[in-house]
Amino acid sequence: MRYDVVVIGSGPGGEGAAMTAAKAGKNVAIIDRVSEVGGGCVHWGTIPSKVLRHSVMEYVDVARNPMFQGAAEHLDIDYPQLLNAAKSVVDRQTGMRRRFYERNDVRFVDGHATFVDEHTVDAINDDGAVERIEGEQFVIAVGTRPYRPRDVEFSHPRVLDANSVLQLGTTPHSITIYGAGVIGCEYASIFRNLGCKLNLVNTRDKLLSFLDDEIIDALSYHLRDRGAIIRHNEEYDKVLAFDDHVELHLKSGKVLKSEYLLWAQGRSGNTDGLGLENVGIEVNSRKQLDVNEFYQTTASHIYAVGDVVGFPGLASASYDQGRFASTHLVTGEMNRRLVDNIPSGIWTSPEISCVGPTERELTEKKVPYEVGHALFRSLARAQIVRCRVGMLKILFHRETLEILGIHCFGYQASEIVHIGQAIMAQSGKANTIRYFADTTFNYPTMAEAYRVAALNGLNRL
């Protein structure tokens, strides 16, 4: 059967592409090698890990609450119990997304897609049945999987990656995480809050170097304050797995011994078996795809979006990339402004979110900026919920007062950031720090941090 648009992969990028094309009147099919829609985001990544993190934080909140200290001592919560909380959310997300496709007349095809030629793919299901599908245009949104170096024995039950850690059947007493990117830092927070002895090994000189320096320092401090051991500028030499422990040998000569090893060093594109050689598309060293500003590959009628194209590797960004790609393939146009200032959300402890450039980036560009701070410990709402760790930082132009960036860590950071994002998206005088100084916020709320930060920044001028 022939379709106007064929989407390969039903994660956020594929969903955004399929829904946008369908609503534009295109005849759309979406192919996924997993029979349940949602991709890695719903089944192995964002949703399960965030449900797990939320469950852990609820447990921590009870344990730290002085009103429940007597009862908290008798709580016996283990890691598998917390994982079970994710299943119901995954099921609801899967059912909801399948209904999206049905309502918009998008056909879902279960199978592994392989390009036969520039306008034809074969969808091969688990039973070996093959369905040939033709398309005028394609969107590749196959996502990524954890990178597995060949010299590490991932078949051993004590050697985990970001997928298999979600099937772990026990609560580790100790764990070493190799890789201190977003996934590594998020799981470091989860396991440390469960009381696991933790080594976090970073191949670079600081955690999450794309973040604001002040927030990097805060994250490092709070992980260490909780008892995590962070080792920077280290590279592995070899991994030895035994019946009761794993040893991570580092090139510096150190040997880290723990019950489990979680490998969180990079991702690889799910491009194996796609038949890209049949359409003249090459992959890079991480099996990911290079695209132009409109998300087109070297074959202009074949687009690629989401994690398979690399940075930023966020579910929210992937969905929008799918939308933007489909808008371009339908209309030939795309508003580049919509691609700018996509927020980042990192579910560590404390939570982190940001949008726009950092102080370091503004300094390198010689932009005359000023900073407005609001410390959460000064907010009544933060005191009420006993989450006084954190800060909101507003970066704004000294002369025009235009808001340049929002950086936040602490309670509800990934929600709070969107207030600043909305104002940054305005034009003219609507996008200045005076908006926050002159606006009445509900009291007591976390949103009040914007008024506090704005007044703090204006006082610096």
Protein backbone atom coordinates (compact mmCIF):
# COMPACT_ATOMS: atom_id res chain seq x y z
CA MET A 1 0.00 0.00 0.00
CA ARG A 2 1.21 3.53 -0.76
CA TYR A 3 1.16 6.40 1.75
CA ASP A 4 1.96 10.09 1.58
CA VAL A 5 4.14 9.85 4.69
CA VAL A 6 5.69 6.79 6.33
CA VAL A 7 7.09 7.27 9.84
CA ILE A 8 9.52 4.72 11.27
CA GLY A 9 9.41 4.66 15.07
CA SER A 10 6.53 5.52 17.43
CA GLY A 11 8.41 7.37 20.14
CA PRO A 12 7.95 11.13 20.72
CA GLY A 13 9.63 12.10 17.43
CA GLY A 14 7.59 9.65 15.39
CA GLU A 15 4.38 10.61 17.13
CA GLY A 16 4.96 14.32 16.54
CA ALA A 17 5.69 13.69 12.86
CA ALA A 18 2.73 11.35 12.31
CA MET A 19 0.18 13.53 14.09
CA THR A 20 1.28 16.71 12.30
CA ALA A 21 1.20 15.07 8.86
CA ALA A 22 -2.17 13.42 9.52
CA LYS A 23 -3.76 16.67 10.69
CA ALA A 24 -2.49 18.28 7.49
CA GLY A 25 -4.53 15.78 5.50
CA LYS A 26 -1.76 13.36 4.60
CA ASN A 27 -2.27 9.59 4.42
CA VAL A 28 0.10 8.34 7.11
CA ALA A 29 1.48 4.98 8.30
CA ILE A 30 3.75 4.48 11.29
CA ILE A 31 5.96 1.42 11.65
CA ASP A 32 7.48 0.18 14.90
CA ARG A 33 9.38 -2.98 15.71
CA VAL A 34 7.61 -3.14 19.10
CA SER A 35 3.91 -4.03 19.01
CA GLU A 36 3.05 -1.53 21.75
CA VAL A 37 3.37 2.11 20.70
CA GLY A 38 5.44 4.72 22.53
CA GLY A 39 9.00 3.79 21.71
CA GLY A 40 11.86 3.84 24.18
CA CYS A 41 10.47 6.94 25.88
CA VAL A 42 7.39 5.12 27.19
CA HIS A 43 8.77 1.61 27.65
CA TRP A 44 12.46 1.87 28.68
CA GLY A 45 13.39 5.50 29.18
CA THR A 46 11.65 8.69 30.22
CA ILE A 47 8.39 7.37 31.66
CA PRO A 48 9.66 4.36 33.69
CA SER A 49 12.68 6.22 35.07
CA LYS A 50 10.63 9.28 36.03
CA VAL A 51 7.95 7.18 37.73
CA LEU A 52 10.76 5.41 39.58
CA ARG A 53 12.30 8.72 40.58
CA HIS A 54 8.93 10.07 41.78
CA SER A 55 8.30 6.95 43.87
CA VAL A 56 11.75 7.22 45.44
CA MET A 57 11.20 10.90 46.27
CA GLU A 58 7.84 10.12 47.90
CA TYR A 59 9.60 7.54 50.05
CA VAL A 60 12.34 10.05 50.93
CA ASP A 61 9.77 12.73 51.78
CA VAL A 62 8.04 10.42 54.23
CA ALA A 63 11.30 9.25 55.74
CA ARG A 64 12.46 12.84 56.30
CA ASN A 65 9.16 14.17 57.60
CA PRO A 66 9.40 14.59 61.39
CA MET A 67 5.67 13.86 61.69
CA PHE A 68 6.20 10.32 60.36
CA GLN A 69 9.60 9.44 61.77
CA GLY A 70 8.24 6.66 63.95
CA ALA A 71 6.32 5.09 61.09
CA ALA A 72 9.09 5.66 58.56
CA GLU A 73 11.43 3.44 60.53
CA HIS A 74 9.17 0.49 59.71
CA LEU A 75 8.90 1.20 56.00
CA ASP A 76 10.40 -1.62 53.97
CA ILE A 77 10.45 -0.42 50.37
CA ASP A 78 12.65 -2.17 47.84
CA TYR A 79 13.68 -1.37 44.28
CA PRO A 80 11.41 -3.95 42.54
CA GLN A 81 8.37 -2.53 44.39
CA LEU A 82 9.20 0.92 43.11
CA LEU A 83 9.58 -0.42 39.56
CA ASN A 84 6.08 -1.90 39.72
CA ALA A 85 4.67 1.60 40.10
CA ALA A 86 5.84 2.36 36.57
CA LYS A 87 3.87 -0.43 34.88
CA SER A 88 0.43 1.14 35.29
CA VAL A 89 1.68 4.47 33.92
CA VAL A 90 3.31 2.76 30.94
CA ASP A 91 0.07 0.88 30.20
CA ARG A 92 -1.99 4.08 30.33
CA GLN A 93 0.47 5.95 28.13
CA THR A 94 0.49 3.13 25.57
CA GLY A 95 -3.30 2.94 25.38
CA MET A 96 -3.65 6.70 25.11
CA ARG A 97 -1.15 6.95 22.26
CA ARG A 98 -2.72 4.11 20.31
CA ARG A 99 -6.04 5.94 20.49
CA PHE A 100 -4.32 9.06 19.09
CA TYR A 101 -3.37 7.12 15.96
CA GLU A 102 -6.81 5.55 15.61
CA ARG A 103 -8.63 8.90 15.90
CA ASN A 104 -6.37 10.47 13.28
CA ASP A 105 -6.58 7.51 10.84
CA VAL A 106 -2.88 6.77 11.15
CA ARG A 107 -2.22 3.12 10.43
CA PHE A 108 0.10 1.39 12.91
CA VAL A 109 2.25 -1.38 11.42
CA ASP A 110 4.04 -3.82 13.72
CA GLY A 111 7.43 -4.74 12.27
CA HIS A 112 11.08 -3.88 11.73
CA ALA A 113 11.35 -1.45 8.81
CA THR A 114 14.00 -1.93 6.13
CA PHE A 115 14.43 0.32 3.10
CA VAL A 116 14.25 -1.58 -0.18
CA ASP A 117 14.67 1.52 -2.31
CA GLU A 118 14.09 5.25 -2.00
CA HIS A 119 10.31 4.94 -1.78
CA THR A 120 9.78 1.42 -0.42
CA VAL A 121 10.26 -0.27 2.95
CA ASP A 122 9.59 -3.81 4.12
CA ALA A 123 8.02 -4.20 7.58
CA ILE A 124 9.09 -7.57 9.03
CA ASN A 125 7.24 -8.72 12.16
CA ASP A 126 8.42 -11.20 14.79
CA ASP A 127 6.80 -14.10 12.93
CA GLY A 128 8.82 -13.30 9.82
CA ALA A 129 5.84 -12.01 7.83
CA VAL A 130 6.75 -9.17 5.47
CA GLU A 131 4.54 -6.28 4.39
CA ARG A 132 5.81 -4.00 1.63
CA ILE A 133 4.93 -0.34 2.14
CA GLU A 134 5.50 2.50 -0.31
CA GLY A 135 5.78 6.16 0.63
CA GLU A 136 6.30 9.53 -0.97
CA GLN A 137 8.17 10.85 2.06
CA PHE A 138 9.65 9.27 5.19
CA VAL A 139 10.52 10.29 8.72
CA ILE A 140 13.05 8.16 10.60
CA ALA A 141 12.49 8.32 14.35
CA VAL A 142 13.99 5.05 15.52
CA GLY A 143 15.64 6.45 18.65
CA THR A 144 18.72 5.08 20.38
CA ARG A 145 19.81 2.32 22.72
CA PRO A 146 22.52 2.26 25.41
CA TYR A 147 26.02 2.13 23.95
CA ARG A 148 27.69 -1.19 24.74
CA PRO A 149 31.44 -1.50 24.17
CA ARG A 150 32.41 -4.96 23.03
CA ASP A 151 34.85 -5.61 25.86
CA VAL A 152 32.20 -5.26 28.59
CA GLU A 153 30.22 -8.39 29.48
CA PHE A 154 26.63 -7.12 29.43
CA SER A 155 25.29 -10.68 29.50
CA HIS A 156 26.40 -10.88 33.13
CA PRO A 157 23.51 -10.17 35.56
CA ARG A 158 25.60 -7.71 37.56
CA VAL A 159 26.47 -5.53 34.56
CA LEU A 160 23.56 -3.22 33.68
CA ASP A 161 22.69 -0.50 31.20
CA ALA A 162 19.89 2.07 31.14
CA ASN A 163 17.45 -0.56 29.81
CA SER A 164 18.32 -3.58 31.94
CA VAL A 165 18.47 -1.54 35.16
CA LEU A 166 14.68 -1.31 34.86
CA GLN A 167 14.49 -5.10 35.25
CA LEU A 168 16.76 -5.31 38.29
CA GLY A 169 15.13 -7.68 40.79
CA THR A 170 16.77 -6.48 43.99
CA THR A 171 17.87 -3.35 45.82
CA PRO A 172 21.67 -3.02 45.48
CA HIS A 173 23.72 -2.35 48.59
CA SER A 174 26.36 -0.78 46.35
CA ILE A 175 26.53 0.29 42.72
CA THR A 176 29.06 1.95 40.44
CA ILE A 177 27.73 4.14 37.63
CA TYR A 178 30.13 4.65 34.73
CA GLY A 179 29.13 7.80 32.86
CA ALA A 180 27.95 11.03 34.47
CA GLY A 181 25.69 12.41 31.78
CA VAL A 182 21.98 13.01 32.32
CA ILE A 183 21.11 9.31 32.69
CA GLY A 184 24.05 8.62 34.98
CA CYS A 185 23.29 11.58 37.24
CA GLU A 186 19.58 10.76 37.42
CA TYR A 187 20.22 7.17 38.46
CA ALA A 188 22.90 8.34 40.89
CA SER A 189 20.22 10.40 42.65
CA ILE A 190 17.75 7.50 42.63
CA PHE A 191 20.11 4.88 44.05
CA ARG A 192 21.69 7.21 46.58
CA ASN A 193 18.25 8.19 47.89
CA LEU A 194 17.56 4.46 48.33
CA GLY A 195 20.62 4.28 50.56
CA CYS A 196 22.92 2.47 48.09
CA LYS A 197 26.65 3.05 48.38
CA LEU A 198 27.46 4.84 45.15
CA ASN A 199 30.44 5.53 42.90
CA LEU A 200 29.75 7.96 40.05
CA VAL A 201 32.56 7.87 37.47
CA ASN A 202 32.81 10.81 35.10
CA THR A 203 35.03 10.80 32.02
CA ARG A 204 35.05 14.62 32.00
CA ASP A 205 36.17 17.28 34.48
CA LYS A 206 32.69 18.29 35.66
CA LEU A 207 29.13 17.01 35.71
CA LEU A 208 26.75 18.00 32.90
CA SER A 209 29.04 20.65 31.46
CA PHE A 210 26.27 22.12 29.25
CA LEU A 211 24.56 23.48 32.36
CA ASP A 212 25.14 26.75 34.21
CA ASP A 213 28.31 26.52 36.33
CA GLU A 214 26.49 27.47 39.52
CA ILE A 215 24.00 24.63 39.00
CA ILE A 216 26.79 22.15 38.17
CA ASP A 217 28.47 23.04 41.46
CA ALA A 218 25.17 22.70 43.34
CA LEU A 219 24.43 19.27 41.86
CA SER A 220 27.94 18.03 42.70
CA TYR A 221 27.65 19.37 46.24
CA HIS A 222 24.27 17.79 46.93
CA LEU A 223 25.22 14.41 45.47
CA ARG A 224 28.33 14.38 47.66
CA ASP A 225 26.35 15.65 50.63
CA ARG A 226 24.07 12.61 50.24
CA GLY A 227 27.13 10.35 50.30
CA ALA A 228 27.92 9.78 46.61
CA ILE A 229 31.58 9.40 45.64
CA ILE A 230 32.22 11.30 42.38
CA ARG A 231 35.39 10.62 40.42
CA HIS A 232 36.16 13.00 37.54
CA ASN A 233 38.53 12.59 34.56
CA GLU A 234 38.53 8.81 34.72
CA GLU A 235 38.39 6.20 31.95
CA TYR A 236 37.77 2.50 32.27
CA ASP A 237 40.47 -0.02 31.49
CA LYS A 238 38.46 -3.20 31.98
CA VAL A 239 35.41 -4.62 33.73
CA LEU A 240 35.60 -7.89 35.67
CA ALA A 241 32.28 -9.44 36.71
CA PHE A 242 32.05 -12.12 39.41
CA ASP A 243 29.23 -14.04 41.05
CA ASP A 244 28.83 -11.56 43.91
CA HIS A 245 30.39 -8.30 42.67
CA VAL A 246 31.82 -6.30 39.78
CA GLU A 247 35.20 -4.61 39.56
CA LEU A 248 35.66 -1.52 37.42
CA HIS A 249 39.37 -1.07 36.69
CA LEU A 250 40.27 2.50 35.72
CA LYS A 251 43.23 3.62 33.63
CA SER A 252 44.40 5.69 36.59
CA GLY A 253 45.01 2.45 38.48
CA LYS A 254 41.94 2.66 40.72
CA VAL A 255 39.69 -0.38 41.18
CA LEU A 256 36.06 0.23 42.17
CA LYS A 257 34.30 -2.79 43.64
CA SER A 258 30.51 -2.89 43.99
CA GLU A 259 27.58 -5.29 43.77
CA TYR A 260 26.47 -3.89 40.41
CA LEU A 261 27.83 -1.78 37.57
CA LEU A 262 25.50 0.52 35.63
CA TRP A 263 27.01 1.51 32.28
CA ALA A 264 25.64 4.92 31.30
CA GLN A 265 28.25 6.12 28.84
CA GLY A 266 26.55 7.22 25.64
CA ARG A 267 23.86 6.02 23.25
CA SER A 268 23.86 4.36 19.82
CA GLY A 269 21.31 4.93 17.08
CA ASN A 270 18.87 2.11 16.30
CA THR A 271 19.84 2.18 12.63
CA ASP A 272 21.01 -1.41 12.26
CA GLY A 273 19.00 -3.25 9.64
CA LEU A 274 17.26 -0.11 8.33
CA GLY A 275 18.72 -0.66 4.87
CA LEU A 276 20.05 2.89 4.73
CA GLU A 277 22.74 1.78 2.30
CA ASN A 278 19.92 1.19 -0.21
CA VAL A 279 18.98 4.90 -0.14
CA GLY A 280 22.47 6.38 0.07
CA ILE A 281 22.32 7.50 3.69
CA GLU A 282 25.35 7.01 5.94
CA VAL A 283 25.51 6.81 9.72
CA ASN A 284 28.18 8.32 11.98
CA SER A 285 30.40 6.51 14.50
CA ARG A 286 27.51 6.24 16.98
CA LYS A 287 25.15 4.94 14.27
CA GLN A 288 23.24 8.21 14.30
CA LEU A 289 22.12 10.35 11.36
CA ASP A 290 23.24 13.80 10.27
CA VAL A 291 20.47 16.17 9.16
CA ASN A 292 20.20 19.74 7.87
CA GLU A 293 18.33 22.60 9.52
CA PHE A 294 15.02 21.17 8.27
CA TYR A 295 15.80 17.65 9.60
CA GLN A 296 16.40 16.29 6.10
CA THR A 297 18.99 13.57 5.55
CA THR A 298 21.15 13.45 2.42
CA ALA A 299 18.05 12.04 0.71
CA SER A 300 15.82 15.13 0.79
CA HIS A 301 12.52 13.19 0.97
CA ILE A 302 13.75 11.25 4.02
CA TYR A 303 13.78 13.15 7.31
CA ALA A 304 15.20 12.08 10.67
CA VAL A 305 14.24 13.35 14.12
CA GLY A 306 14.67 12.57 17.79
CA ASP A 307 17.52 10.86 19.57
CA VAL A 308 18.76 9.26 16.35
CA VAL A 309 20.01 12.70 15.22
CA GLY A 310 21.87 13.33 18.50
CA PHE A 311 21.71 16.34 20.81
CA PRO A 312 19.67 17.27 22.79
CA GLY A 313 18.17 13.79 23.19
CA LEU A 314 15.10 14.96 25.11
CA ALA A 315 11.61 13.51 24.66
CA SER A 316 10.09 17.00 24.48
CA ALA A 317 12.61 18.13 21.87
CA SER A 318 12.09 14.93 19.86
CA TYR A 319 8.34 15.49 19.68
CA ASP A 320 8.82 19.04 18.44
CA GLN A 321 11.45 17.96 15.93
CA GLY A 322 8.88 15.53 14.53
CA ARG A 323 6.34 18.34 14.28
CA PHE A 324 8.81 20.67 12.60
CA ALA A 325 9.97 18.03 10.12
CA SER A 326 6.39 17.20 9.10
CA THR A 327 5.55 20.88 8.78
CA HIS A 328 8.45 21.24 6.37
CA LEU A 329 7.62 18.16 4.33
CA VAL A 330 3.99 19.34 4.01
CA THR A 331 4.52 23.07 3.41
CA GLY A 332 8.20 23.41 2.50
CA GLU A 333 8.60 25.88 5.35
CA MET A 334 9.55 25.81 9.02
CA ASN A 335 9.74 28.57 11.62
CA ARG A 336 13.29 28.25 12.92
CA ARG A 337 12.42 30.38 15.94
CA LEU A 338 10.39 27.47 17.28
CA VAL A 339 13.53 25.33 17.45
CA ASP A 340 15.38 27.84 19.62
CA ASN A 341 15.24 27.82 23.40
CA ILE A 342 13.95 24.29 23.94
CA PRO A 343 14.07 23.73 27.72
CA SER A 344 16.05 20.97 29.40
CA GLY A 345 14.62 18.99 32.29
CA ILE A 346 16.91 16.79 34.40
CA TRP A 347 15.33 14.71 37.14
CA THR A 348 18.23 14.52 39.54
CA SER A 349 17.98 15.38 43.22
CA PRO A 350 17.72 18.36 43.26
CA GLU A 351 15.74 18.65 40.02
CA ILE A 352 17.23 20.87 37.30
CA SER A 353 15.73 22.76 34.37
CA CYS A 354 16.92 25.55 32.13
CA VAL A 355 16.22 27.41 28.92
CA GLY A 356 18.50 29.78 27.04
CA PRO A 357 22.26 30.44 27.27
CA THR A 358 24.37 30.08 30.41
CA GLU A 359 26.50 32.77 32.02
CA ARG A 360 29.57 31.13 30.49
CA GLU A 361 28.10 31.34 26.98
CA LEU A 362 26.99 34.95 27.39
CA THR A 363 30.43 35.90 28.69
CA GLU A 364 32.12 34.26 25.68
CA LYS A 365 29.85 36.26 23.37
CA LYS A 366 30.53 39.46 25.35
CA VAL A 367 26.85 40.06 26.03
CA PRO A 368 26.38 42.64 28.85
CA TYR A 369 24.09 40.68 31.18
CA GLU A 370 23.04 40.83 34.80
CA VAL A 371 21.74 38.13 37.16
CA GLY A 372 18.66 37.96 39.34
CA HIS A 373 18.63 35.30 42.07
CA ALA A 374 15.89 33.83 44.23
CA LEU A 375 16.97 31.29 46.84
CA PHE A 376 14.26 28.74 47.60
CA ARG A 377 15.05 28.82 51.31
CA SER A 378 13.56 32.33 51.35
CA LEU A 379 10.23 31.25 49.80
CA ALA A 380 7.32 30.43 52.07
CA ARG A 381 6.11 27.67 49.73
CA ALA A 382 9.50 25.94 49.80
CA GLN A 383 9.51 26.16 53.59
CA ILE A 384 6.01 24.65 53.75
CA VAL A 385 6.96 21.63 51.61
CA ARG A 386 10.35 21.31 53.36
CA CYS A 387 12.23 21.72 50.07
CA ARG A 388 14.42 24.69 50.78
CA VAL A 389 17.34 23.57 48.62
CA GLY A 390 17.37 25.34 45.28
CA MET A 391 17.50 28.56 43.35
CA LEU A 392 16.01 30.39 40.39
CA LYS A 393 18.40 32.43 38.27
CA ILE A 394 17.26 34.92 35.63
CA LEU A 395 19.85 36.21 33.16
CA PHE A 396 18.88 39.48 31.48
CA HIS A 397 20.45 42.17 29.29
CA ARG A 398 21.75 45.11 31.33
CA GLU A 399 20.62 47.71 28.82
CA THR A 400 17.42 46.40 27.23
CA LEU A 401 16.37 44.26 30.26
CA GLU A 402 15.53 41.46 27.80
CA ILE A 403 15.38 38.04 29.46
CA LEU A 404 18.19 35.92 28.04
CA GLY A 405 18.07 32.72 30.07
CA ILE A 406 16.34 30.94 32.94
CA HIS A 407 18.21 28.45 35.14
CA CYS A 408 16.62 26.63 38.03
CA PHE A 409 17.35 23.78 40.39
CA GLY A 410 15.34 22.41 43.28
CA TYR A 411 11.71 21.55 43.95
CA GLN A 412 9.48 21.76 40.83
CA ALA A 413 12.30 23.18 38.69
CA SER A 414 11.04 21.54 35.49
CA GLU A 415 7.64 23.17 36.02
CA ILE A 416 8.89 26.56 37.17
CA VAL A 417 11.09 27.07 34.10
CA HIS A 418 8.10 27.28 31.76
CA ILE A 419 6.95 30.59 33.25
CA GLY A 420 10.22 32.17 32.18
CA GLN A 421 10.14 30.36 28.84
CA ALA A 422 6.73 31.85 28.05
CA ILE A 423 7.95 35.40 28.66
CA MET A 424 11.19 34.81 26.73
CA ALA A 425 9.09 33.87 23.70
CA GLN A 426 7.38 37.29 23.67
CA SER A 427 8.66 40.17 21.57
CA GLY A 428 9.52 43.75 22.38
CA LYS A 429 8.95 45.15 25.86
CA ALA A 430 6.88 42.11 26.84
CA ASN A 431 10.12 40.16 27.18
CA THR A 432 11.86 42.04 29.96
CA ILE A 433 12.60 41.35 33.57
CA ARG A 434 10.20 44.11 34.57
CA TYR A 435 7.31 41.78 33.71
CA PHE A 436 8.19 39.68 36.74
CA ALA A 437 8.88 42.65 38.98
CA ASP A 438 5.49 44.19 38.17
CA THR A 439 3.35 41.01 38.20
CA THR A 440 1.38 39.76 41.19
CA PHE A 441 1.99 36.07 41.91
CA ASN A 442 -0.11 33.84 44.10
CA TYR A 443 1.29 33.53 47.61
CA PRO A 444 2.70 31.23 48.80
CA THR A 445 3.88 29.59 45.54
CA MET A 446 7.14 28.53 43.95
CA ALA A 447 6.31 30.87 41.05
CA GLU A 448 6.88 33.78 43.41
CA ALA A 449 10.59 33.10 42.89
CA TYR A 450 10.34 35.06 39.63
CA ARG A 451 9.32 38.26 41.42
CA VAL A 452 12.03 37.80 44.04
CA ALA A 453 14.68 37.14 41.37
CA ALA A 454 13.53 40.08 39.24
CA LEU A 455 13.74 42.55 42.12
CA ASN A 456 17.13 41.11 43.08
CA GLY A 457 18.41 41.58 39.53
CA LEU A 458 17.06 45.12 39.10
CA ASN A 459 18.72 46.10 42.39
CA ARG A 460 22.07 45.18 40.81
CA LEU A 461 21.76 47.78 38.04
